[in-house]
């Protein structure tokens, strides 16, 4: 009844390139010493903050466990004193 006609459309690629050259290679900014030191400082700061947060959480868990242990110890002493 109906005929479907397919047509291929050629794909053209547009390649962009710099119209100038320089003595600095691509990515050299990321490889410079100043950038590397700054990046390392940011990573170290993140790691310290992350570790401090983990330590804070662990200390909170320890305190909760100490309270639970004290409660259980009281309960145990109460049961033993009744016997």
N, C-alpha and C. Protein backbone atom coordinates (compact mmCIF):
# COMPACT_ATOMS: atom_id res chain seq x y z
N UNK A 1 0.81 -1.17 0.00
CA UNK A 1 0.00 0.00 0.00
C UNK A 1 0.87 1.25 0.00
N UNK A 2 1.57 1.48 1.09
CA UNK A 2 2.48 2.64 1.13
C UNK A 2 3.90 2.16 1.00
N UNK A 3 4.69 2.88 0.34
CA UNK A 3 6.09 2.54 0.17
C UNK A 3 6.93 3.54 0.96
N UNK A 4 7.83 3.00 1.74
CA UNK A 4 8.69 3.86 2.52
C UNK A 4 10.01 4.00 1.78
N UNK A 5 10.38 5.19 1.59
CA UNK A 5 11.64 5.47 0.90
C UNK A 5 12.62 6.02 1.92
N UNK A 6 13.75 5.36 2.01
CA UNK A 6 14.77 5.84 2.93
C UNK A 6 15.87 6.51 2.13
N UNK A 7 16.40 7.52 2.69
CA UNK A 7 17.46 8.26 2.00
C UNK A 7 18.60 8.49 3.00
N UNK A 8 19.75 8.13 2.59
CA UNK A 8 20.90 8.34 3.46
C UNK A 8 21.42 9.75 3.27
N UNK A 9 21.61 10.39 4.41
CA UNK A 9 22.15 11.74 4.38
C UNK A 9 23.61 11.63 4.80
N UNK A 10 24.50 12.10 3.98
CA UNK A 10 25.91 12.00 4.34
C UNK A 10 26.21 12.90 5.55
N UNK A 11 26.95 12.34 6.47
CA UNK A 11 27.34 13.09 7.65
C UNK A 11 28.65 13.80 7.38
N UNK A 12 28.66 15.03 7.65
CA UNK A 12 29.90 15.78 7.48
C UNK A 12 30.43 16.11 8.85
N UNK A 13 31.69 15.99 8.99
CA UNK A 13 32.33 16.29 10.27
C UNK A 13 33.06 17.61 10.15
N UNK A 14 32.86 18.39 11.14
CA UNK A 14 33.52 19.67 11.20
C UNK A 14 34.69 19.55 12.16
N UNK A 15 35.86 19.74 11.67
CA UNK A 15 37.05 19.62 12.49
C UNK A 15 37.57 21.02 12.76
N UNK A 16 37.63 21.34 14.02
CA UNK A 16 38.13 22.65 14.41
C UNK A 16 39.58 22.51 14.82
N UNK A 17 40.37 23.44 14.42
CA UNK A 17 41.77 23.43 14.82
C UNK A 17 42.20 24.85 15.10
N UNK A 18 43.24 24.96 15.88
CA UNK A 18 43.77 26.28 16.19
C UNK A 18 44.41 26.87 14.94
N UNK A 19 44.22 28.15 14.80
CA UNK A 19 44.83 28.83 13.67
C UNK A 19 46.17 29.43 14.03
N UNK A 20 46.67 29.10 15.20
CA UNK A 20 47.94 29.64 15.63
C UNK A 20 48.70 28.56 16.37
N UNK A 21 49.94 28.77 16.57
CA UNK A 21 50.75 27.83 17.34
C UNK A 21 51.47 28.59 18.43
N UNK A 22 51.82 27.88 19.44
CA UNK A 22 52.59 28.50 20.51
C UNK A 22 53.64 27.50 20.97
N UNK A 23 54.55 27.98 21.73
CA UNK A 23 55.60 27.09 22.22
C UNK A 23 55.14 26.27 23.41
N UNK A 24 53.98 26.59 23.95
CA UNK A 24 53.45 25.86 25.09
C UNK A 24 52.58 24.71 24.57
N UNK A 25 52.85 23.52 25.07
CA UNK A 25 52.07 22.36 24.66
C UNK A 25 50.71 22.36 25.36
N UNK A 26 49.75 21.65 24.79
CA UNK A 26 48.45 21.52 25.42
C UNK A 26 48.58 20.76 26.73
N UNK A 27 47.86 21.21 27.72
CA UNK A 27 47.90 20.54 29.01
C UNK A 27 49.09 20.92 29.86
N UNK A 28 49.90 21.83 29.38
CA UNK A 28 51.09 22.18 30.15
C UNK A 28 50.74 22.92 31.43
N UNK A 29 49.58 23.58 31.45
CA UNK A 29 49.17 24.27 32.67
C UNK A 29 48.92 23.25 33.76
N UNK A 30 48.28 22.15 33.42
CA UNK A 30 47.99 21.11 34.40
C UNK A 30 49.27 20.42 34.88
N UNK A 31 50.32 20.51 34.10
CA UNK A 31 51.55 19.84 34.48
C UNK A 31 52.52 20.78 35.18
N UNK A 32 52.19 22.05 35.27
CA UNK A 32 53.10 22.99 35.90
C UNK A 32 53.18 22.72 37.39
N UNK A 33 54.29 23.13 37.99
CA UNK A 33 54.52 22.85 39.40
C UNK A 33 53.54 23.59 40.29
N UNK A 34 53.24 24.82 39.96
CA UNK A 34 52.32 25.61 40.77
C UNK A 34 50.93 25.00 40.79
N UNK A 35 50.46 24.58 39.66
CA UNK A 35 49.14 23.96 39.59
C UNK A 35 49.13 22.66 40.36
N UNK A 36 50.18 21.89 40.22
CA UNK A 36 50.27 20.60 40.90
C UNK A 36 50.25 20.78 42.41
N UNK A 37 50.98 21.77 42.92
CA UNK A 37 51.00 22.03 44.36
C UNK A 37 49.62 22.46 44.85
N UNK A 38 48.98 23.32 44.08
CA UNK A 38 47.66 23.80 44.47
C UNK A 38 46.65 22.65 44.47
N UNK A 39 46.71 21.82 43.44
CA UNK A 39 45.81 20.68 43.34
C UNK A 39 46.03 19.72 44.51
N UNK A 40 47.30 19.45 44.82
CA UNK A 40 47.62 18.57 45.94
C UNK A 40 47.12 19.16 47.25
N UNK A 41 47.25 20.47 47.42
CA UNK A 41 46.77 21.12 48.64
C UNK A 41 45.26 20.96 48.77
N UNK A 42 44.53 21.11 47.67
CA UNK A 42 43.08 20.93 47.70
C UNK A 42 42.71 19.49 48.03
N UNK A 43 43.43 18.54 47.46
CA UNK A 43 43.16 17.13 47.74
C UNK A 43 43.46 16.81 49.20
N UNK A 44 44.57 17.35 49.72
CA UNK A 44 44.92 17.11 51.12
C UNK A 44 43.88 17.71 52.05
N UNK A 45 43.39 18.91 51.72
CA UNK A 45 42.37 19.56 52.54
C UNK A 45 41.09 18.72 52.55
N UNK A 46 40.70 18.22 51.39
CA UNK A 46 39.51 17.38 51.30
C UNK A 46 39.69 16.11 52.14
N UNK A 47 40.87 15.50 52.04
CA UNK A 47 41.14 14.26 52.78
C UNK A 47 41.08 14.52 54.28
N UNK A 48 41.65 15.64 54.74
CA UNK A 48 41.61 15.96 56.16
C UNK A 48 40.18 16.17 56.64
N UNK A 49 39.39 16.90 55.87
CA UNK A 49 38.00 17.14 56.25
C UNK A 49 37.21 15.84 56.28
N UNK A 50 37.45 14.99 55.29
CA UNK A 50 36.74 13.71 55.22
C UNK A 50 37.11 12.82 56.40
N UNK A 51 38.40 12.75 56.72
CA UNK A 51 38.85 11.94 57.84
C UNK A 51 38.32 12.50 59.17
N UNK A 52 38.28 13.82 59.30
CA UNK A 52 37.74 14.43 60.51
C UNK A 52 36.26 14.09 60.68
N UNK A 53 35.52 14.10 59.58
CA UNK A 53 34.11 13.75 59.62
C UNK A 53 33.93 12.28 60.03
N UNK A 54 34.74 11.40 59.45
CA UNK A 54 34.67 9.99 59.82
C UNK A 54 35.01 9.79 61.30
N UNK A 55 36.02 10.49 61.77
CA UNK A 55 36.43 10.39 63.16
C UNK A 55 35.32 10.89 64.08
N UNK A 56 34.66 11.98 63.70
CA UNK A 56 33.55 12.50 64.50
C UNK A 56 32.42 11.48 64.59
N UNK A 57 32.11 10.83 63.47
CA UNK A 57 31.07 9.81 63.47
C UNK A 57 31.45 8.61 64.33
N UNK A 58 32.70 8.19 64.25
CA UNK A 58 33.16 7.05 65.06
C UNK A 58 33.11 7.38 66.54
N UNK A 59 33.50 8.60 66.91
CA UNK A 59 33.44 9.00 68.32
C UNK A 59 32.00 9.00 68.82
N UNK A 60 31.07 9.46 67.97
CA UNK A 60 29.66 9.47 68.35
C UNK A 60 29.15 8.03 68.54
N UNK A 61 29.58 7.13 67.67
CA UNK A 61 29.19 5.72 67.82
C UNK A 61 29.76 5.13 69.10
N UNK A 62 30.99 5.48 69.43
CA UNK A 62 31.62 4.97 70.66
C UNK A 62 30.84 5.45 71.88
N UNK A 63 30.47 6.72 71.88
CA UNK A 63 29.70 7.25 73.01
C UNK A 63 28.35 6.55 73.13
N UNK A 64 27.70 6.30 72.01
CA UNK A 64 26.41 5.60 72.03
C UNK A 64 26.59 4.18 72.57
N UNK A 65 27.66 3.52 72.17
CA UNK A 65 27.91 2.15 72.65
C UNK A 65 28.24 2.15 74.14
N UNK A 66 28.97 3.18 74.62
CA UNK A 66 29.27 3.26 76.04
C UNK A 66 27.99 3.42 76.86
N UNK A 67 27.08 4.25 76.36
CA UNK A 67 25.81 4.44 77.06
C UNK A 67 25.00 3.15 77.08
N UNK A 68 25.00 2.45 75.94
CA UNK A 68 24.28 1.17 75.86
C UNK A 68 24.92 0.16 76.80
N UNK A 69 26.22 0.12 76.85
CA UNK A 69 26.93 -0.81 77.75
C UNK A 69 26.61 -0.49 79.20
N UNK A 70 26.59 0.78 79.56
CA UNK A 70 26.27 1.16 80.93
C UNK A 70 24.84 0.75 81.27
N UNK A 71 23.91 0.94 80.35
CA UNK A 71 22.52 0.55 80.57
C UNK A 71 22.41 -0.96 80.76
N UNK A 72 23.11 -1.72 79.92
CA UNK A 72 23.07 -3.18 80.03
C UNK A 72 23.73 -3.65 81.32
N UNK A 73 24.80 -2.97 81.74
CA UNK A 73 25.49 -3.33 82.98
C UNK A 73 24.57 -3.11 84.18
N UNK A 74 23.84 -1.98 84.17
CA UNK A 74 22.88 -1.71 85.24
C UNK A 74 21.79 -2.78 85.28
N UNK A 75 21.31 -3.15 84.10
CA UNK A 75 20.27 -4.19 84.01
C UNK A 75 20.81 -5.52 84.54
N UNK A 76 22.04 -5.84 84.19
CA UNK A 76 22.68 -7.08 84.64
C UNK A 76 22.85 -7.07 86.15
N UNK A 77 23.31 -5.94 86.69
CA UNK A 77 23.48 -5.83 88.14
C UNK A 77 22.15 -5.96 88.86
N UNK A 78 21.11 -5.37 88.29
CA UNK A 78 19.77 -5.44 88.86
C UNK A 78 19.28 -6.88 88.91
N UNK A 79 19.47 -7.61 87.83
CA UNK A 79 19.04 -9.01 87.77
C UNK A 79 19.84 -9.85 88.76
N UNK A 80 21.14 -9.62 88.87
CA UNK A 80 21.99 -10.38 89.78
C UNK A 80 21.68 -10.06 91.23
N UNK A 81 21.29 -8.85 91.52
CA UNK A 81 20.99 -8.48 92.91
C UNK A 81 19.67 -9.12 93.38
N UNK A 82 18.77 -9.42 92.46
CA UNK A 82 17.51 -10.06 92.82
C UNK A 82 17.69 -11.54 93.14
N UNK A 83 18.72 -12.15 92.66
CA UNK A 83 18.93 -13.59 92.85
C UNK A 83 19.50 -13.92 94.16
